[in-house]
């Protein structure tokens, strides 16, 4: 067995050739970002009302006059856009609307009239996903999230078995065709299937790409690359604002998203297989060939006889240690009482982060102001939160930062609902509401970034991968529920944000039960973990650095079992 970390210490942890590969592979995070949050624009619901067959009666009238003439009020005194007046007696309306006052309210049997001033066509307007069909919109987005979950469950193993490049190439190609297929479908359920496939294959791209970046570089650079991949996700959906603004028909929008994915598919031809994966799977000569290529472009002279001998000795030692280690599973997360409590707390926290992150991100269309600007600002807030976390987390500690970010998210998203109630036509209050919403986005993005890092530090080496995997599953369940919760705002506009806020504040309160991990060495055994949880504070021995925080294999396994991290 060859230890690739020994090789990296000789050829460079992040030389010029690895930088080239990193830039090529980082591109994949952009289409993942705009594909995941495409419903913000593609599924935008414009103002609508019932279509009126006899247009003679509405010719020359303002929209307000048409609504008064054709649309009944609901019990709250607001227009019921899912109903229209049907008049018992209607005279000749060629000159004026001489309609009797005898009218009954009926459903929109003639279809709907949509405001097309922002988008000429959306999924909502094409398939009439309003009124009693509105639930199909939220169902489509939830099914997309199911696709992400299924892909995350499958492609970690596929990538381990068939290789990182092979997985990236196949999933990127199939994702491209799924996105392209979406652009040409005119049947709702075919659209749902295409989106499901795009999510499924996109999840494979994400996992394989993420692991590839970590495997071709040394541990010193992995935190930076991990955050960089999440930044790419945010930049991706910021780019989506420009795509949607330029191409305001959802078919064209989807076509452009597919075309923007194509460069990544083509660029994979130039990307070699992960030499770490090749070494671990016995493909020694191919791995050595790629290693020589990396060294050549990094301008490093290799003494191969010494290099392979040192790498093999280190690898054999690691292999021997692994054979002597007992195998653990997810069940072990629930055996000991304190670890069982910790696992439930982690699952709840990941679930809330997934629910609130996607709830806020997908609901940007409900904010006051320009939808394109608001979506872009959401991305800016996400990037700002990552920078904030990187600068301050090692000073404040993980627990304090997690509690703070969740509290910011929860309190500001509730403030958004409160301000909206009183805003009415006040521009100042509408702007304040948007500011609170953006602050909530920053809070939940930062929280999601922290909880991932925190989870890897809370658990011992033997079950760390299982802990991250079970947390990620909780987050994905939250993201599946989020679209349905957003749909409830059609009945109670304040409800989704209040639920998001209460859940965030509850998660913040429960996060106080976590022990602090700042400055402590990684836990190694279940016994160490139980003792640590009992103390509920960090046991500082030697400061942890990016190079000694955990073994390479531990970090790799944790990342492989993660899904769209904060994003993600």
Foldseek 3Di string as FASTA:
>chain_A
DFACLLLCVFLDQCFPVLVVVLVLLLLLLQLVQCLLQVCLQQVDAFDKAADDPPCLAVPPHDPVVVCVQWFDADPVRHTDRQKTWDAPDFDDSNPYGPGDPHTDIDGRPVAMDGDPPQFVAHPCRLVVCDDPNVVLSLQLSLLLLVLLVVLLVPLLVVCLVPFLLVLLLVLLVQLLVLLLQLLPDSDSVSNSVSSSSNNNSSQSSVLSSLLLSLLSGALQCNVVSVVSSLLSSLVSNLVLLVLCRVHRHSSSSSNVSSVSSVSSNVCSVVPDTRLVSCVVVVVPVSSVVVSVVSSVVSVGDDPVVVSRVVRVVVVVVVVVVVVPDDADALVVCCDDPLSNLVLVLLLLLLLLLLQLLLLLQNLLSVAPDDSSVLNNLLSVLLSVLSVVCVVPCLPCFLLVLLLVLLLLLLVLLLVLLVLVVVCVPPPVSSVSSSVSSSSNSNSSSNNLVSSLVVQLQLDALNCSLVSLLSSQVSSSVSNSCSSVLCVCCVPPVSRSSNVSNVSSNVSSVSSLLAATARQAAGHHDPVSSVVRSVVSYHDHDGGDHSNRNDDSVSVSSNSSSHTCRVVD
